[in-house]
PDB file of all heavy atoms in Angstrom:
ATOM      1  N   VAL A   1      22.333 -42.074  87.092  1.00  0.00           N
ATOM      2  CA  VAL A   1      21.156 -41.241  87.333  1.00  0.00           C
ATOM      3  C   VAL A   1      19.877 -42.030  87.076  1.00  0.00           C
ATOM      4  O   VAL A   1      18.927 -41.948  87.859  1.00  0.00           O
ATOM      5  CB  VAL A   1      21.198 -39.962  86.465  1.00  0.00           C
ATOM      6  CG1 VAL A   1      19.908 -39.175  86.591  1.00  0.00           C
ATOM      7  CG2 VAL A   1      22.393 -39.106  86.846  1.00  0.00           C
ATOM      8  N   ARG A   2      19.860 -42.795  86.019  1.00  0.00           N
ATOM      9  CA  ARG A   2      18.662 -43.599  85.708  1.00  0.00           C
ATOM     10  C   ARG A   2      18.346 -44.546  86.860  1.00  0.00           C
ATOM     11  O   ARG A   2      17.190 -44.720  87.236  1.00  0.00           O
ATOM     12  CB  ARG A   2      18.856 -44.376  84.419  1.00  0.00           C
ATOM     13  CG  ARG A   2      17.611 -45.127  84.013  1.00  0.00           C
ATOM     14  CD  ARG A   2      17.727 -45.823  82.688  1.00  0.00           C
ATOM     15  NE  ARG A   2      19.031 -45.649  82.072  1.00  0.00           N
ATOM     16  CZ  ARG A   2      19.552 -46.456  81.181  1.00  0.00           C
ATOM     17  NH1 ARG A   2      18.878 -47.492  80.773  1.00  0.00           N
ATOM     18  NH2 ARG A   2      20.733 -46.243  80.661  1.00  0.00           N
ATOM     19  N   GLY A   3      19.369 -45.146  87.430  1.00  0.00           N
ATOM     20  CA  GLY A   3      19.170 -46.045  88.566  1.00  0.00           C
ATOM     21  C   GLY A   3      18.584 -45.328  89.775  1.00  0.00           C
ATOM     22  O   GLY A   3      17.718 -45.865  90.473  1.00  0.00           O
ATOM     23  N   LEU A   4      19.053 -44.108  90.019  1.00  0.00           N
ATOM     24  CA  LEU A   4      18.516 -43.320  91.132  1.00  0.00           C
ATOM     25  C   LEU A   4      17.056 -42.939  90.894  1.00  0.00           C
ATOM     26  O   LEU A   4      16.231 -43.004  91.807  1.00  0.00           O
ATOM     27  CB  LEU A   4      19.359 -42.051  91.332  1.00  0.00           C
ATOM     28  CG  LEU A   4      20.775 -42.265  91.832  1.00  0.00           C
ATOM     29  CD1 LEU A   4      21.559 -40.963  91.774  1.00  0.00           C
ATOM     30  CD2 LEU A   4      20.778 -42.837  93.226  1.00  0.00           C
ATOM     31  N   ILE A   5      16.755 -42.562  89.670  1.00  0.00           N
ATOM     32  CA  ILE A   5      15.371 -42.209  89.330  1.00  0.00           C
ATOM     33  C   ILE A   5      14.465 -43.429  89.473  1.00  0.00           C
ATOM     34  O   ILE A   5      13.375 -43.347  90.047  1.00  0.00           O
ATOM     35  CB  ILE A   5      15.285 -41.611  87.911  1.00  0.00           C
ATOM     36  CG1 ILE A   5      16.011 -40.268  87.844  1.00  0.00           C
ATOM     37  CG2 ILE A   5      13.840 -41.491  87.444  1.00  0.00           C
ATOM     38  CD1 ILE A   5      15.426 -39.169  88.699  1.00  0.00           C
ATOM     39  N   GLU A   6      14.905 -44.567  88.992  1.00  0.00           N
ATOM     40  CA  GLU A   6      14.109 -45.792  89.107  1.00  0.00           C
ATOM     41  C   GLU A   6      13.869 -46.159  90.563  1.00  0.00           C
ATOM     42  O   GLU A   6      12.778 -46.600  90.937  1.00  0.00           O
ATOM     43  CB  GLU A   6      14.786 -46.929  88.354  1.00  0.00           C
ATOM     44  CG  GLU A   6      14.705 -46.758  86.850  1.00  0.00           C
ATOM     45  CD  GLU A   6      15.487 -47.809  86.078  1.00  0.00           C
ATOM     46  OE1 GLU A   6      15.959 -48.790  86.677  1.00  0.00           O
ATOM     47  OE2 GLU A   6      15.615 -47.615  84.846  1.00  0.00           O
ATOM     48  N   ARG A   7      14.875 -45.949  91.402  1.00  0.00           N
ATOM     49  CA  ARG A   7      14.706 -46.230  92.833  1.00  0.00           C
ATOM     50  C   ARG A   7      13.648 -45.304  93.424  1.00  0.00           C
ATOM     51  O   ARG A   7      12.810 -45.730  94.214  1.00  0.00           O
ATOM     52  CB  ARG A   7      16.025 -46.060  93.572  1.00  0.00           C
ATOM     53  CG  ARG A   7      15.871 -46.302  95.052  1.00  0.00           C
ATOM     54  CD  ARG A   7      17.156 -46.249  95.797  1.00  0.00           C
ATOM     55  NE  ARG A   7      16.888 -46.394  97.217  1.00  0.00           N
ATOM     56  CZ  ARG A   7      17.782 -46.280  98.138  1.00  0.00           C
ATOM     57  NH1 ARG A   7      19.030 -46.052  97.815  1.00  0.00           N
ATOM     58  NH2 ARG A   7      17.459 -46.412  99.409  1.00  0.00           N
ATOM     59  N   GLN A   8      13.690 -44.031  93.044  1.00  0.00           N
ATOM     60  CA  GLN A   8      12.683 -43.096  93.557  1.00  0.00           C
ATOM     61  C   GLN A   8      11.284 -43.500  93.120  1.00  0.00           C
ATOM     62  O   GLN A   8      10.336 -43.414  93.901  1.00  0.00           O
ATOM     63  CB  GLN A   8      12.993 -41.663  93.095  1.00  0.00           C
ATOM     64  CG  GLN A   8      14.217 -41.072  93.730  1.00  0.00           C
ATOM     65  CD  GLN A   8      14.175 -41.115  95.249  1.00  0.00           C
ATOM     66  OE1 GLN A   8      13.200 -40.704  95.863  1.00  0.00           O
ATOM     67  NE2 GLN A   8      15.217 -41.644  95.849  1.00  0.00           N
ATOM     68  N   LEU A   9      11.155 -43.936  91.889  1.00  0.00           N
ATOM     69  CA  LEU A   9       9.842 -44.383  91.408  1.00  0.00           C
ATOM     70  C   LEU A   9       9.351 -45.578  92.215  1.00  0.00           C
ATOM     71  O   LEU A   9       8.164 -45.678  92.525  1.00  0.00           O
ATOM     72  CB  LEU A   9       9.906 -44.723  89.918  1.00  0.00           C
ATOM     73  CG  LEU A   9      10.202 -43.549  88.982  1.00  0.00           C
ATOM     74  CD1 LEU A   9      10.324 -44.052  87.551  1.00  0.00           C
ATOM     75  CD2 LEU A   9       9.166 -42.453  89.091  1.00  0.00           C
ATOM     76  N   ASP A  10      10.261 -46.470  92.572  1.00  0.00           N
ATOM     77  CA  ASP A  10       9.892 -47.647  93.361  1.00  0.00           C
ATOM     78  C   ASP A  10       9.486 -47.280  94.787  1.00  0.00           C
ATOM     79  O   ASP A  10       8.749 -48.014  95.440  1.00  0.00           O
ATOM     80  CB  ASP A  10      11.049 -48.643  93.424  1.00  0.00           C
ATOM     81  CG  ASP A  10      11.289 -49.352  92.115  1.00  0.00           C
ATOM     82  OD1 ASP A  10      10.382 -49.350  91.252  1.00  0.00           O
ATOM     83  OD2 ASP A  10      12.401 -49.898  91.934  1.00  0.00           O
ATOM     84  N   GLU A  11       9.974 -46.131  95.278  1.00  0.00           N
ATOM     85  CA  GLU A  11       9.722 -45.727  96.655  1.00  0.00           C
ATOM     86  C   GLU A  11       8.538 -44.772  96.807  1.00  0.00           C
ATOM     87  O   GLU A  11       8.282 -44.271  97.892  1.00  0.00           O
ATOM     88  CB  GLU A  11      10.984 -45.112  97.259  1.00  0.00           C
ATOM     89  CG  GLU A  11      12.097 -46.125  97.415  1.00  0.00           C
ATOM     90  CD  GLU A  11      13.363 -45.539  98.010  1.00  0.00           C
ATOM     91  OE1 GLU A  11      13.413 -44.321  98.287  1.00  0.00           O
ATOM     92  OE2 GLU A  11      14.317 -46.305  98.199  1.00  0.00           O
ATOM     93  N   LEU A  12       7.803 -44.541  95.720  1.00  0.00           N
ATOM     94  CA  LEU A  12       6.614 -43.685  95.790  1.00  0.00           C
ATOM     95  C   LEU A  12       5.610 -44.320  96.749  1.00  0.00           C
ATOM     96  O   LEU A  12       5.271 -45.497  96.627  1.00  0.00           O
ATOM     97  CB  LEU A  12       5.997 -43.543  94.399  1.00  0.00           C
ATOM     98  CG  LEU A  12       4.741 -42.694  94.276  1.00  0.00           C
ATOM     99  CD1 LEU A  12       5.015 -41.254  94.664  1.00  0.00           C
ATOM    100  CD2 LEU A  12       4.192 -42.778  92.870  1.00  0.00           C
ATOM    101  N   LEU A  13       5.151 -43.538  97.711  1.00  0.00           N
ATOM    102  CA  LEU A  13       4.214 -44.046  98.716  1.00  0.00           C
ATOM    103  C   LEU A  13       2.779 -43.974  98.212  1.00  0.00           C
ATOM    104  O   LEU A  13       2.471 -43.243  97.269  1.00  0.00           O
ATOM    105  CB  LEU A  13       4.368 -43.243 100.014  1.00  0.00           C
ATOM    106  CG  LEU A  13       5.742 -43.362 100.679  1.00  0.00           C
ATOM    107  CD1 LEU A  13       5.841 -42.410 101.863  1.00  0.00           C
ATOM    108  CD2 LEU A  13       6.009 -44.794 101.122  1.00  0.00           C
ATOM    109  N   SER A  14       1.913 -44.705  98.835  1.00  0.00           N
ATOM    110  CA  SER A  14       0.529 -44.809  98.373  1.00  0.00           C
ATOM    111  C   SER A  14      -0.229 -43.483  98.452  1.00  0.00           C
ATOM    112  O   SER A  14      -1.207 -43.297  97.733  1.00  0.00           O
ATOM    113  CB  SER A  14      -0.220 -45.883  99.162  1.00  0.00           C
ATOM    114  OG  SER A  14      -0.259 -45.534 100.534  1.00  0.00           O
ATOM    115  N   ASP A  15       0.218 -42.546  99.285  1.00  0.00           N
ATOM    116  CA  ASP A  15      -0.485 -41.255  99.370  1.00  0.00           C
ATOM    117  C   ASP A  15      -0.027 -40.273  98.294  1.00  0.00           C
ATOM    118  O   ASP A  15      -0.539 -39.168  98.207  1.00  0.00           O
ATOM    119  CB  ASP A  15      -0.368 -40.648 100.764  1.00  0.00           C
ATOM    120  CG  ASP A  15       1.040 -40.263 101.165  1.00  0.00           C
ATOM    121  OD1 ASP A  15       1.987 -40.466 100.374  1.00  0.00           O
ATOM    122  OD2 ASP A  15       1.208 -39.763 102.300  1.00  0.00           O
ATOM    123  N   GLY A  16       0.960 -40.663  97.472  1.00  0.00           N
ATOM    124  CA  GLY A  16       1.357 -39.843  96.335  1.00  0.00           C
ATOM    125  C   GLY A  16       2.655 -39.096  96.478  1.00  0.00           C
ATOM    126  O   GLY A  16       3.051 -38.367  95.583  1.00  0.00           O
ATOM    127  N   GLY A  17       3.329 -39.238  97.591  1.00  0.00           N
ATOM    128  CA  GLY A  17       4.598 -38.539  97.801  1.00  0.00           C
ATOM    129  C   GLY A  17       5.691 -39.488  98.238  1.00  0.00           C
ATOM    130  O   GLY A  17       5.579 -40.708  98.081  1.00  0.00           O
ATOM    131  N   TRP A  18       6.748 -38.912  98.795  1.00  0.00           N
ATOM    132  CA  TRP A  18       7.896 -39.710  99.241  1.00  0.00           C
ATOM    133  C   TRP A  18       8.258 -39.339 100.668  1.00  0.00           C
ATOM    134  O   TRP A  18       7.907 -38.275 101.156  1.00  0.00           O
ATOM    135  CB  TRP A  18       9.107 -39.438  98.353  1.00  0.00           C
ATOM    136  CG  TRP A  18       9.047 -40.095  97.027  1.00  0.00           C
ATOM    137  CD1 TRP A  18       9.552 -41.324  96.699  1.00  0.00           C
ATOM    138  CD2 TRP A  18       8.473 -39.588  95.830  1.00  0.00           C
ATOM    139  NE1 TRP A  18       9.313 -41.601  95.381  1.00  0.00           N
ATOM    140  CE2 TRP A  18       8.656 -40.550  94.804  1.00  0.00           C
ATOM    141  CE3 TRP A  18       7.810 -38.417  95.499  1.00  0.00           C
ATOM    142  CZ2 TRP A  18       8.210 -40.372  93.514  1.00  0.00           C
ATOM    143  CZ3 TRP A  18       7.359 -38.234  94.209  1.00  0.00           C
ATOM    144  CH2 TRP A  18       7.568 -39.207  93.228  1.00  0.00           C
ATOM    145  N   ASN A  19       8.999 -40.240 101.316  1.00  0.00           N
ATOM    146  CA  ASN A  19       9.533 -39.990 102.649  1.00  0.00           C
ATOM    147  C   ASN A  19      10.890 -40.664 102.736  1.00  0.00           C
ATOM    148  O   ASN A  19      11.035 -41.837 102.377  1.00  0.00           O
ATOM    149  CB  ASN A  19       8.585 -40.560 103.717  1.00  0.00           C
ATOM    150  CG  ASN A  19       8.995 -40.164 105.109  1.00  0.00           C
ATOM    151  OD1 ASN A  19      10.165 -40.194 105.472  1.00  0.00           O
ATOM    152  ND2 ASN A  19       8.019 -39.796 105.918  1.00  0.00           N
ATOM    153  N   CYS A  20      11.892 -39.921 103.231  1.00  0.00           N
ATOM    154  CA  CYS A  20      13.236 -40.484 103.330  1.00  0.00           C
ATOM    155  C   CYS A  20      13.300 -41.623 104.351  1.00  0.00           C
ATOM    156  O   CYS A  20      14.268 -42.370 104.383  1.00  0.00           O
ATOM    157  CB  CYS A  20      14.255 -39.399 103.664  1.00  0.00           C
ATOM    158  SG  CYS A  20      13.981 -38.596 105.247  1.00  0.00           S
ATOM    159  N   GLU A  21      12.265 -41.760 105.159  1.00  0.00           N
ATOM    160  CA  GLU A  21      12.189 -42.857 106.128  1.00  0.00           C
ATOM    161  C   GLU A  21      11.366 -44.031 105.588  1.00  0.00           C
ATOM    162  O   GLU A  21      11.041 -44.942 106.329  1.00  0.00           O
ATOM    163  CB  GLU A  21      11.569 -42.347 107.439  1.00  0.00           C
ATOM    164  CG  GLU A  21      12.344 -41.235 108.114  1.00  0.00           C
ATOM    165  CD  GLU A  21      13.632 -41.726 108.752  1.00  0.00           C
ATOM    166  OE1 GLU A  21      13.676 -42.877 109.197  1.00  0.00           O
ATOM    167  OE2 GLU A  21      14.588 -40.933 108.793  1.00  0.00           O
ATOM    168  N   GLY A  22      11.044 -43.999 104.310  1.00  0.00           N
ATOM    169  CA  GLY A  22      10.237 -45.057 103.715  1.00  0.00           C
ATOM    170  C   GLY A  22      10.866 -46.429 103.834  1.00  0.00           C
ATOM    171  O   GLY A  22      10.177 -47.427 104.045  1.00  0.00           O
ATOM    172  N   ASP A  23      12.191 -46.481 103.722  1.00  0.00           N
ATOM    173  CA  ASP A  23      12.865 -47.776 103.841  1.00  0.00           C
ATOM    174  C   ASP A  23      12.843 -48.295 105.272  1.00  0.00           C
ATOM    175  O   ASP A  23      13.155 -49.448 105.520  1.00  0.00           O
ATOM    176  CB  ASP A  23      14.296 -47.691 103.310  1.00  0.00           C
ATOM    177  CG  ASP A  23      15.162 -46.694 104.051  1.00  0.00           C
ATOM    178  OD1 ASP A  23      14.610 -45.804 104.735  1.00  0.00           O
ATOM    179  OD2 ASP A  23      16.397 -46.795 103.945  1.00  0.00           O
ATOM    180  N   ARG A  24      12.441 -47.454 106.223  1.00  0.00           N
ATOM    181  CA  ARG A  24      12.321 -47.859 107.623  1.00  0.00           C
ATOM    182  C   ARG A  24      10.868 -48.068 108.027  1.00  0.00           C
ATOM    183  O   ARG A  24      10.548 -48.120 109.201  1.00  0.00           O
ATOM    184  CB  ARG A  24      12.979 -46.812 108.515  1.00  0.00           C
ATOM    185  CG  ARG A  24      14.459 -46.731 108.289  1.00  0.00           C
ATOM    186  CD  ARG A  24      15.112 -45.809 109.287  1.00  0.00           C
ATOM    187  NE  ARG A  24      16.510 -45.644 108.920  1.00  0.00           N
ATOM    188  CZ  ARG A  24      17.100 -44.487 108.772  1.00  0.00           C
ATOM    189  NH1 ARG A  24      16.439 -43.366 108.995  1.00  0.00           N
ATOM    190  NH2 ARG A  24      18.369 -44.420 108.435  1.00  0.00           N
ATOM    191  N   GLY A  25       9.992 -48.084 107.013  1.00  0.00           N
ATOM    192  CA  GLY A  25       8.600 -48.415 107.275  1.00  0.00           C
ATOM    193  C   GLY A  25       7.631 -47.256 107.298  1.00  0.00           C
ATOM    194  O   GLY A  25       6.441 -47.469 107.517  1.00  0.00           O
ATOM    195  N   SER A  26       8.113 -46.035 107.092  1.00  0.00           N
ATOM    196  CA  SER A  26       7.190 -44.907 107.093  1.00  0.00           C
ATOM    197  C   SER A  26       6.203 -45.038 105.935  1.00  0.00           C
ATOM    198  O   SER A  26       6.585 -45.346 104.812  1.00  0.00           O
ATOM    199  CB  SER A  26       7.954 -43.589 106.966  1.00  0.00           C
ATOM    200  OG  SER A  26       7.050 -42.514 106.956  1.00  0.00           O
ATOM    201  N   LYS A  27       4.945 -44.803 106.214  1.00  0.00           N
ATOM    202  CA  LYS A  27       3.892 -44.914 105.202  1.00  0.00           C
ATOM    203  C   LYS A  27       3.311 -43.555 104.826  1.00  0.00           C
ATOM    204  O   LYS A  27       2.453 -43.461 103.976  1.00  0.00           O
ATOM    205  CB  LYS A  27       2.749 -45.808 105.720  1.00  0.00           C
ATOM    206  CG  LYS A  27       3.189 -47.202 106.088  1.00  0.00           C
ATOM    207  CD  LYS A  27       3.635 -47.969 104.877  1.00  0.00           C
ATOM    208  CE  LYS A  27       4.014 -49.383 105.261  1.00  0.00           C
ATOM    209  NZ  LYS A  27       4.931 -49.992 104.356  1.00  0.00           N
ATOM    210  N   ARG A  28       3.765 -42.495 105.471  1.00  0.00           N
ATOM    211  CA  ARG A  28       3.238 -41.147 105.236  1.00  0.00           C
ATOM    212  C   ARG A  28       4.310 -40.277 104.599  1.00  0.00           C
ATOM    213  O   ARG A  28       5.443 -40.225 105.068  1.00  0.00           O
ATOM    214  CB  ARG A  28       2.794 -40.536 106.558  1.00  0.00           C
ATOM    215  CG  ARG A  28       2.070 -39.262 106.396  1.00  0.00           C
ATOM    216  CD  ARG A  28       1.502 -38.834 107.718  1.00  0.00           C
ATOM    217  NE  ARG A  28       0.691 -37.640 107.498  1.00  0.00           N
ATOM    218  CZ  ARG A  28      -0.010 -37.082 108.408  1.00  0.00           C
ATOM    219  NH1 ARG A  28      -0.033 -37.589 109.626  1.00  0.00           N
ATOM    220  NH2 ARG A  28      -0.706 -36.006 108.148  1.00  0.00           N
ATOM    221  N   SER A  29       3.942 -39.586 103.547  1.00  0.00           N
ATOM    222  CA  SER A  29       4.903 -38.769 102.814  1.00  0.00           C
ATOM    223  C   SER A  29       5.343 -37.554 103.613  1.00  0.00           C
ATOM    224  O   SER A  29       4.603 -37.016 104.425  1.00  0.00           O
ATOM    225  CB  SER A  29       4.300 -38.293 101.500  1.00  0.00           C
ATOM    226  OG  SER A  29       4.052 -39.379 100.654  1.00  0.00           O
ATOM    227  N   SER A  30       6.551 -37.141 103.340  1.00  0.00           N
ATOM    228  CA  SER A  30       7.143 -35.943 103.915  1.00  0.00           C
ATOM    229  C   SER A  30       7.117 -34.851 102.854  1.00  0.00           C
ATOM    230  O   SER A  30       7.485 -35.084 101.704  1.00  0.00           O
ATOM    231  CB  SER A  30       8.590 -36.247 104.326  1.00  0.00           C
ATOM    232  OG  SER A  30       9.370 -35.083 104.345  1.00  0.00           O
ATOM    233  N   PHE A  31       6.698 -33.648 103.237  1.00  0.00           N
ATOM    234  CA  PHE A  31       6.651 -32.554 102.277  1.00  0.00           C
ATOM    235  C   PHE A  31       8.044 -32.253 101.727  1.00  0.00           C
ATOM    236  O   PHE A  31       8.218 -32.068 100.526  1.00  0.00           O
ATOM    237  CB  PHE A  31       6.056 -31.293 102.901  1.00  0.00           C
ATOM    238  CG  PHE A  31       4.645 -31.472 103.361  1.00  0.00           C
ATOM    239  CD1 PHE A  31       4.264 -31.088 104.627  1.00  0.00           C
ATOM    240  CD2 PHE A  31       3.683 -32.020 102.525  1.00  0.00           C
ATOM    241  CE1 PHE A  31       2.954 -31.251 105.056  1.00  0.00           C
ATOM    242  CE2 PHE A  31       2.373 -32.190 102.940  1.00  0.00           C
ATOM    243  CZ  PHE A  31       2.017 -31.797 104.214  1.00  0.00           C
ATOM    244  N   ASN A  32       9.035 -32.188 102.596  1.00  0.00           N
ATOM    245  CA  ASN A  32      10.393 -31.861 102.156  1.00  0.00           C
ATOM    246  C   ASN A  32      10.937 -32.910 101.198  1.00  0.00           C
ATOM    247  O   ASN A  32      11.454 -32.580 100.125  1.00  0.00           O
ATOM    248  CB  ASN A  32      11.322 -31.699 103.356  1.00  0.00           C
ATOM    249  CG  ASN A  32      12.707 -31.282 102.929  1.00  0.00           C
ATOM    250  OD1 ASN A  32      12.884 -30.277 102.247  1.00  0.00           O
ATOM    251  ND2 ASN A  32      13.694 -32.063 103.313  1.00  0.00           N
ATOM    252  N   THR A  33      10.824 -34.163 101.568  1.00  0.00           N
ATOM    253  CA  THR A  33      11.325 -35.229 100.701  1.00  0.00           C
ATOM    254  C   THR A  33      10.576 -35.242  99.380  1.00  0.00           C
ATOM    255  O   THR A  33      11.168 -35.394  98.309  1.00  0.00           O
ATOM    256  CB  THR A  33      11.207 -36.601 101.395  1.00  0.00           C
ATOM    257  OG1 THR A  33      11.906 -36.549 102.640  1.00  0.00           O
ATOM    258  CG2 THR A  33      11.774 -37.708 100.537  1.00  0.00           C
ATOM    259  N   THR A  34       9.267 -35.042  99.445  1.00  0.00           N
ATOM    260  CA  THR A  34       8.453 -35.021  98.231  1.00  0.00           C
ATOM    261  C   THR A  34       8.898 -33.895  97.300  1.00  0.00           C
ATOM    262  O   THR A  34       9.037 -34.096  96.093  1.00  0.00           O
ATOM    263  CB  THR A  34       6.966 -34.894  98.593  1.00  0.00           C
ATOM    264  OG1 THR A  34       6.589 -36.058  99.345  1.00  0.00           O
ATOM    265  CG2 THR A  34       6.093 -34.787  97.356  1.00  0.00           C
ATOM    266  N   LEU A  35       9.138 -32.718  97.851  1.00  0.00           N
ATOM    267  CA  LEU A  35       9.596 -31.595  97.023  1.00  0.00           C
ATOM    268  C   LEU A  35      10.966 -31.875  96.410  1.00  0.00           C
ATOM    269  O   LEU A  35      11.206 -31.546  95.246  1.00  0.00           O
ATOM    270  CB  LEU A  35       9.632 -30.309  97.846  1.00  0.00           C
ATOM    271  CG  LEU A  35       8.268 -29.732  98.194  1.00  0.00           C
ATOM    272  CD1 LEU A  35       8.425 -28.587  99.195  1.00  0.00           C
ATOM    273  CD2 LEU A  35       7.543 -29.262  96.962  1.00  0.00           C
ATOM    274  N   CYS A  36      11.851 -32.476  97.170  1.00  0.00           N
ATOM    275  CA  CYS A  36      13.185 -32.801  96.654  1.00  0.00           C
ATOM    276  C   CYS A  36      13.098 -33.789  95.491  1.00  0.00           C
ATOM    277  O   CYS A  36      13.775 -33.621  94.467  1.00  0.00           O
ATOM    278  CB  CYS A  36      14.066 -33.368  97.767  1.00  0.00           C
ATOM    279  SG  CYS A  36      14.542 -32.150  98.997  1.00  0.00           S
ATOM    280  N   VAL A  37      12.278 -34.812  95.642  1.00  0.00           N
ATOM    281  CA  VAL A  37      12.125 -35.801  94.575  1.00  0.00           C
ATOM    282  C   VAL A  37      11.454 -35.157  93.365  1.00  0.00           C
ATOM    283  O   VAL A  37      11.857 -35.398  92.216  1.00  0.00           O
ATOM    284  CB  VAL A  37      11.342 -37.040  95.051  1.00  0.00           C
ATOM    285  CG1 VAL A  37      11.051 -37.985  93.896  1.00  0.00           C
ATOM    286  CG2 VAL A  37      12.115 -37.766  96.146  1.00  0.00           C
ATOM    287  N   LEU A  38      10.462 -34.320  93.600  1.00  0.00           N
ATOM    288  CA  LEU A  38       9.798 -33.625  92.500  1.00  0.00           C
ATOM    289  C   LEU A  38      10.802 -32.805  91.693  1.00  0.00           C
ATOM    290  O   LEU A  38      10.805 -32.840  90.465  1.00  0.00           O
ATOM    291  CB  LEU A  38       8.685 -32.724  93.035  1.00  0.00           C
ATOM    292  CG  LEU A  38       7.958 -31.861  92.009  1.00  0.00           C
ATOM    293  CD1 LEU A  38       7.287 -32.723  90.952  1.00  0.00           C
ATOM    294  CD2 LEU A  38       6.955 -30.970  92.701  1.00  0.00           C
ATOM    295  N   GLU A  39      11.674 -32.081  92.357  1.00  0.00           N
ATOM    296  CA  GLU A  39      12.701 -31.296  91.663  1.00  0.00           C
ATOM    297  C   GLU A  39      13.617 -32.194  90.842  1.00  0.00           C
ATOM    298  O   GLU A  39      13.978 -31.860  89.715  1.00  0.00           O
ATOM    299  CB  GLU A  39      13.523 -30.492  92.663  1.00  0.00           C
ATOM    300  CG  GLU A  39      12.756 -29.347  93.279  1.00  0.00           C
ATOM    301  CD  GLU A  39      13.531 -28.627  94.362  1.00  0.00           C
ATOM    302  OE1 GLU A  39      14.546 -29.173  94.872  1.00  0.00           O
ATOM    303  OE2 GLU A  39      13.139 -27.512  94.721  1.00  0.00           O
ATOM    304  N   ALA A  40      13.988 -33.336  91.398  1.00  0.00           N
ATOM    305  CA  ALA A  40      14.872 -34.263  90.677  1.00  0.00           C
ATOM    306  C   ALA A  40      14.177 -34.833  89.443  1.00  0.00           C
ATOM    307  O   ALA A  40      14.788 -34.916  88.365  1.00  0.00           O
ATOM    308  CB  ALA A  40      15.312 -35.396  91.604  1.00  0.00           C
ATOM    309  N   LEU A  41      12.916 -35.217  89.578  1.00  0.00           N
ATOM    310  CA  LEU A  41      12.182 -35.766  88.435  1.00  0.00           C
ATOM    311  C   LEU A  41      12.024 -34.721  87.336  1.00  0.00           C
ATOM    312  O   LEU A  41      12.194 -35.029  86.152  1.00  0.00           O
ATOM    313  CB  LEU A  41      10.806 -36.271  88.870  1.00  0.00           C
ATOM    314  CG  LEU A  41      10.770 -37.454  89.830  1.00  0.00           C
ATOM    315  CD1 LEU A  41       9.336 -37.791  90.212  1.00  0.00           C
ATOM    316  CD2 LEU A  41      11.486 -38.659  89.263  1.00  0.00           C
ATOM    317  N   LEU A  42      11.733 -33.500  87.724  1.00  0.00           N
ATOM    318  CA  LEU A  42      11.571 -32.433  86.750  1.00  0.00           C
ATOM    319  C   LEU A  42      12.886 -32.150  86.026  1.00  0.00           C
ATOM    320  O   LEU A  42      12.918 -32.022  84.802  1.00  0.00           O
ATOM    321  CB  LEU A  42      11.049 -31.164  87.426  1.00  0.00           C
ATOM    322  CG  LEU A  42      10.744 -29.995  86.519  1.00  0.00           C
ATOM    323  CD1 LEU A  42       9.696 -30.372  85.473  1.00  0.00           C
ATOM    324  CD2 LEU A  42      10.268 -28.807  87.348  1.00  0.00           C
ATOM    325  N   GLU A  43      13.965 -32.096  86.764  1.00  0.00           N
ATOM    326  CA  GLU A  43      15.271 -31.860  86.137  1.00  0.00           C
ATOM    327  C   GLU A  43      15.640 -32.999  85.199  1.00  0.00           C
ATOM    328  O   GLU A  43      16.193 -32.782  84.120  1.00  0.00           O
ATOM    329  CB  GLU A  43      16.354 -31.680  87.196  1.00  0.00           C
ATOM    330  CG  GLU A  43      17.674 -31.272  86.603  1.00  0.00           C
ATOM    331  CD  GLU A  43      18.687 -30.828  87.620  1.00  0.00           C
ATOM    332  OE1 GLU A  43      18.305 -30.440  88.734  1.00  0.00           O
ATOM    333  OE2 GLU A  43      19.883 -30.860  87.288  1.00  0.00           O
TER     334      GLU A  43
END
């Protein structure tokens, strides 16, 4: 779990959220992905 959390932290985009397509070059956060990561961080 720690490894997964660390990976998510590394994938935080410059606009403040996340996108599941980030590893494919997406630079804009996705609301759905951002909410999913937020729930995981909170848990």
